[in-house]
N, C-alpha and C. Protein backbone atom coordinates (compact mmCIF):
# COMPACT_ATOMS: atom_id res chain seq x y z
N MET A 1 -15.37 -5.52 8.76
CA MET A 1 -15.16 -5.95 7.39
C MET A 1 -16.03 -5.15 6.43
N LYS A 2 -17.25 -4.82 6.86
CA LYS A 2 -18.15 -4.10 5.96
C LYS A 2 -17.60 -2.73 5.59
N SER A 3 -16.92 -2.07 6.51
CA SER A 3 -16.41 -0.74 6.21
C SER A 3 -15.17 -0.78 5.34
N SER A 4 -14.54 -1.93 5.22
CA SER A 4 -13.31 -2.01 4.44
C SER A 4 -13.47 -2.81 3.15
N ILE A 5 -14.69 -3.01 2.69
CA ILE A 5 -14.90 -3.84 1.50
C ILE A 5 -14.27 -3.21 0.26
N TRP A 6 -14.44 -1.92 0.06
CA TRP A 6 -13.85 -1.28 -1.12
C TRP A 6 -12.34 -1.20 -1.02
N LEU A 7 -11.85 -0.98 0.18
CA LEU A 7 -10.40 -0.98 0.38
C LEU A 7 -9.83 -2.37 0.07
N THR A 8 -10.54 -3.40 0.48
CA THR A 8 -10.10 -4.77 0.20
C THR A 8 -10.10 -5.04 -1.30
N ILE A 9 -11.14 -4.62 -1.99
CA ILE A 9 -11.23 -4.86 -3.43
C ILE A 9 -10.15 -4.10 -4.19
N VAL A 10 -10.01 -2.81 -3.90
CA VAL A 10 -9.02 -2.00 -4.62
C VAL A 10 -7.60 -2.44 -4.30
N ALA A 11 -7.30 -2.61 -3.02
CA ALA A 11 -5.95 -3.03 -2.65
C ALA A 11 -5.66 -4.45 -3.14
N GLY A 12 -6.65 -5.32 -3.08
CA GLY A 12 -6.46 -6.69 -3.54
C GLY A 12 -6.21 -6.77 -5.04
N PHE A 13 -7.02 -6.03 -5.81
CA PHE A 13 -6.84 -6.08 -7.26
C PHE A 13 -5.53 -5.44 -7.69
N THR A 14 -5.18 -4.30 -7.11
CA THR A 14 -3.94 -3.66 -7.54
C THR A 14 -2.72 -4.49 -7.14
N THR A 15 -2.72 -5.04 -5.94
CA THR A 15 -1.59 -5.87 -5.52
C THR A 15 -1.56 -7.18 -6.30
N GLY A 16 -2.71 -7.82 -6.44
CA GLY A 16 -2.77 -9.09 -7.16
C GLY A 16 -2.41 -8.94 -8.63
N MET A 17 -2.89 -7.88 -9.27
CA MET A 17 -2.56 -7.67 -10.67
C MET A 17 -1.10 -7.30 -10.83
N GLY A 18 -0.53 -6.62 -9.85
CA GLY A 18 0.90 -6.34 -9.90
C GLY A 18 1.72 -7.61 -9.81
N ASN A 19 1.33 -8.50 -8.91
CA ASN A 19 2.00 -9.80 -8.82
C ASN A 19 1.75 -10.63 -10.08
N GLY A 20 0.55 -10.52 -10.62
CA GLY A 20 0.23 -11.24 -11.85
C GLY A 20 1.02 -10.74 -13.04
N SER A 21 1.38 -9.46 -13.03
CA SER A 21 2.17 -8.94 -14.16
C SER A 21 3.56 -9.55 -14.18
N VAL A 22 4.11 -9.83 -13.01
CA VAL A 22 5.42 -10.49 -12.94
C VAL A 22 5.30 -11.92 -13.47
N PHE A 23 4.26 -12.63 -13.06
CA PHE A 23 4.03 -13.99 -13.57
C PHE A 23 3.77 -13.95 -15.07
N THR A 24 3.00 -12.95 -15.52
CA THR A 24 2.71 -12.80 -16.94
C THR A 24 3.98 -12.61 -17.75
N ALA A 25 4.88 -11.76 -17.27
CA ALA A 25 6.14 -11.53 -17.98
C ALA A 25 6.93 -12.83 -18.09
N ALA A 26 7.01 -13.58 -17.01
CA ALA A 26 7.73 -14.85 -17.04
C ALA A 26 7.04 -15.85 -17.97
N PHE A 27 5.72 -15.91 -17.92
CA PHE A 27 4.96 -16.84 -18.76
C PHE A 27 5.14 -16.51 -20.24
N LEU A 28 4.99 -15.24 -20.59
CA LEU A 28 5.09 -14.86 -21.99
C LEU A 28 6.51 -14.97 -22.51
N LEU A 29 7.50 -14.77 -21.65
CA LEU A 29 8.88 -15.01 -22.08
C LEU A 29 9.11 -16.50 -22.31
N ALA A 30 8.45 -17.34 -21.52
CA ALA A 30 8.63 -18.79 -21.66
C ALA A 30 7.96 -19.32 -22.94
N VAL A 31 6.74 -18.85 -23.24
CA VAL A 31 6.03 -19.39 -24.41
C VAL A 31 6.36 -18.62 -25.68
N GLY A 32 6.81 -17.39 -25.55
CA GLY A 32 7.14 -16.60 -26.73
C GLY A 32 5.91 -16.13 -27.47
N ARG A 33 6.13 -15.56 -28.62
CA ARG A 33 5.06 -15.00 -29.44
C ARG A 33 4.41 -16.07 -30.31
N GLY A 34 5.06 -17.22 -30.42
CA GLY A 34 4.64 -18.27 -31.33
C GLY A 34 3.20 -18.72 -31.26
N PRO A 35 2.66 -19.06 -30.07
CA PRO A 35 1.31 -19.62 -30.04
C PRO A 35 0.19 -18.60 -30.29
N PHE A 36 0.53 -17.33 -30.38
CA PHE A 36 -0.50 -16.29 -30.54
C PHE A 36 -0.49 -15.76 -31.97
N GLY A 37 -1.66 -15.81 -32.61
CA GLY A 37 -1.78 -15.33 -33.98
C GLY A 37 -1.77 -13.82 -34.08
N GLU A 38 -2.23 -13.15 -33.04
CA GLU A 38 -2.32 -11.69 -33.07
C GLU A 38 -1.80 -11.11 -31.76
N ALA A 39 -1.34 -9.87 -31.84
CA ALA A 39 -0.87 -9.18 -30.64
C ALA A 39 -2.05 -8.79 -29.75
N GLY A 40 -3.18 -8.47 -30.34
CA GLY A 40 -4.36 -8.13 -29.56
C GLY A 40 -4.33 -6.74 -28.97
N LEU A 41 -4.03 -5.75 -29.80
CA LEU A 41 -3.90 -4.38 -29.30
C LEU A 41 -5.02 -3.45 -29.73
N TRP A 42 -6.01 -3.92 -30.47
CA TRP A 42 -7.04 -3.04 -30.99
C TRP A 42 -8.41 -3.37 -30.42
N PHE A 43 -9.21 -2.34 -30.17
CA PHE A 43 -10.60 -2.44 -29.73
C PHE A 43 -10.74 -3.35 -28.52
N MET A 44 -11.46 -4.46 -28.65
CA MET A 44 -11.68 -5.37 -27.52
C MET A 44 -10.69 -6.53 -27.50
N ASP A 45 -9.75 -6.56 -28.43
CA ASP A 45 -8.79 -7.65 -28.48
C ASP A 45 -7.95 -7.84 -27.21
N PRO A 46 -7.62 -6.77 -26.47
CA PRO A 46 -6.85 -7.00 -25.24
C PRO A 46 -7.58 -7.83 -24.19
N TYR A 47 -8.87 -8.06 -24.36
CA TYR A 47 -9.62 -8.87 -23.40
C TYR A 47 -9.97 -10.25 -23.96
N ASP A 48 -9.42 -10.58 -25.12
CA ASP A 48 -9.61 -11.89 -25.73
C ASP A 48 -8.41 -12.77 -25.35
N PRO A 49 -8.62 -13.82 -24.56
CA PRO A 49 -7.49 -14.62 -24.09
C PRO A 49 -6.75 -15.37 -25.20
N ARG A 50 -7.26 -15.35 -26.42
CA ARG A 50 -6.57 -16.01 -27.52
C ARG A 50 -5.50 -15.13 -28.15
N THR A 51 -5.41 -13.87 -27.69
CA THR A 51 -4.38 -12.97 -28.21
C THR A 51 -3.27 -12.81 -27.18
N PHE A 52 -2.14 -12.29 -27.62
CA PHE A 52 -0.98 -12.11 -26.75
C PHE A 52 -1.31 -11.19 -25.58
N GLN A 53 -1.86 -10.00 -25.85
CA GLN A 53 -2.20 -9.06 -24.79
C GLN A 53 -3.38 -9.56 -23.95
N GLY A 54 -4.32 -10.24 -24.58
CA GLY A 54 -5.47 -10.78 -23.85
C GLY A 54 -5.06 -11.82 -22.83
N THR A 55 -4.10 -12.65 -23.19
CA THR A 55 -3.59 -13.65 -22.24
C THR A 55 -2.96 -12.95 -21.05
N ALA A 56 -2.16 -11.92 -21.31
CA ALA A 56 -1.53 -11.17 -20.23
C ALA A 56 -2.58 -10.53 -19.32
N ASP A 57 -3.59 -9.92 -19.92
CA ASP A 57 -4.64 -9.27 -19.11
C ASP A 57 -5.41 -10.27 -18.27
N TRP A 58 -5.76 -11.42 -18.84
CA TRP A 58 -6.53 -12.40 -18.08
C TRP A 58 -5.74 -13.02 -16.96
N ILE A 59 -4.45 -13.22 -17.18
CA ILE A 59 -3.62 -13.72 -16.07
C ILE A 59 -3.63 -12.71 -14.93
N MET A 60 -3.51 -11.43 -15.25
CA MET A 60 -3.51 -10.40 -14.21
C MET A 60 -4.88 -10.30 -13.53
N PHE A 61 -5.97 -10.44 -14.28
CA PHE A 61 -7.31 -10.43 -13.67
C PHE A 61 -7.47 -11.58 -12.70
N ILE A 62 -7.02 -12.77 -13.09
CA ILE A 62 -7.14 -13.94 -12.22
C ILE A 62 -6.33 -13.75 -10.95
N PHE A 63 -5.10 -13.26 -11.08
CA PHE A 63 -4.28 -13.00 -9.89
C PHE A 63 -4.95 -11.94 -9.01
N GLY A 64 -5.50 -10.90 -9.61
CA GLY A 64 -6.17 -9.85 -8.83
C GLY A 64 -7.37 -10.39 -8.07
N PHE A 65 -8.21 -11.17 -8.74
CA PHE A 65 -9.39 -11.75 -8.09
C PHE A 65 -8.99 -12.70 -6.97
N ALA A 66 -7.98 -13.52 -7.23
CA ALA A 66 -7.52 -14.46 -6.20
C ALA A 66 -6.98 -13.71 -4.98
N PHE A 67 -6.26 -12.61 -5.22
CA PHE A 67 -5.71 -11.86 -4.09
C PHE A 67 -6.80 -11.16 -3.29
N VAL A 68 -7.88 -10.73 -3.95
CA VAL A 68 -9.02 -10.15 -3.22
C VAL A 68 -9.62 -11.20 -2.29
N ILE A 69 -9.78 -12.43 -2.78
CA ILE A 69 -10.32 -13.51 -1.95
C ILE A 69 -9.40 -13.79 -0.77
N ILE A 70 -8.09 -13.88 -1.04
CA ILE A 70 -7.13 -14.16 0.03
C ILE A 70 -7.11 -13.03 1.05
N LEU A 71 -7.10 -11.78 0.58
CA LEU A 71 -7.08 -10.64 1.49
C LEU A 71 -8.36 -10.56 2.32
N GLY A 72 -9.50 -10.83 1.69
CA GLY A 72 -10.76 -10.84 2.43
C GLY A 72 -10.79 -11.90 3.52
N ALA A 73 -10.30 -13.09 3.20
CA ALA A 73 -10.24 -14.17 4.20
C ALA A 73 -9.29 -13.81 5.34
N ALA A 74 -8.16 -13.20 4.99
CA ALA A 74 -7.19 -12.82 6.02
C ALA A 74 -7.75 -11.73 6.93
N LEU A 75 -8.42 -10.75 6.36
CA LEU A 75 -9.01 -9.68 7.17
C LEU A 75 -10.14 -10.20 8.06
N LYS A 76 -10.91 -11.15 7.53
CA LYS A 76 -11.99 -11.73 8.33
C LYS A 76 -11.40 -12.50 9.52
N GLN A 77 -10.37 -13.28 9.26
CA GLN A 77 -9.73 -14.03 10.34
C GLN A 77 -9.10 -13.08 11.36
N HIS A 78 -8.50 -12.01 10.87
CA HIS A 78 -7.91 -11.03 11.78
C HIS A 78 -8.98 -10.38 12.67
N ALA A 79 -10.13 -10.05 12.07
CA ALA A 79 -11.22 -9.47 12.85
C ALA A 79 -11.72 -10.44 13.92
N LEU A 80 -11.81 -11.71 13.56
CA LEU A 80 -12.24 -12.72 14.53
C LEU A 80 -11.24 -12.84 15.68
N LEU A 81 -9.95 -12.85 15.34
CA LEU A 81 -8.93 -12.96 16.38
C LEU A 81 -8.91 -11.72 17.29
N GLU A 82 -9.09 -10.55 16.70
CA GLU A 82 -9.12 -9.33 17.51
C GLU A 82 -10.35 -9.29 18.40
N GLY A 83 -11.47 -9.81 17.90
CA GLY A 83 -12.68 -9.87 18.71
C GLY A 83 -12.53 -10.81 19.88
N LEU A 84 -11.89 -11.93 19.66
CA LEU A 84 -11.65 -12.88 20.76
C LEU A 84 -10.67 -12.30 21.76
N ARG A 85 -9.68 -11.58 21.30
CA ARG A 85 -8.67 -11.04 22.19
C ARG A 85 -9.28 -9.95 23.10
N LYS A 86 -10.23 -9.19 22.58
CA LYS A 86 -10.85 -8.13 23.39
C LYS A 86 -11.71 -8.69 24.50
N GLU A 87 -12.28 -9.89 24.26
CA GLU A 87 -13.16 -10.49 25.28
C GLU A 87 -12.36 -11.06 26.45
N GLU A 88 -11.10 -11.38 26.24
CA GLU A 88 -10.30 -12.00 27.30
C GLU A 88 -9.97 -11.09 28.40
């Protein structure tokens, strides 16, 4: 697991944020532009969850972080199972 930590982080974030972008598209289509006062396209606004783009970015960050946790747990369990199988 120690040798694959960066691979887990990079693969987890890219896959999770990709999945989050699909959820983001569905979410923003459902709520529309109405609840957001600004599009959030300038300077640090894309990271402000009160803006349209900020909401999209934060949803993708959350999905990415969650997928890193899930992938790390799965790889750890896989390593444990492979270790037990080698001892048999």
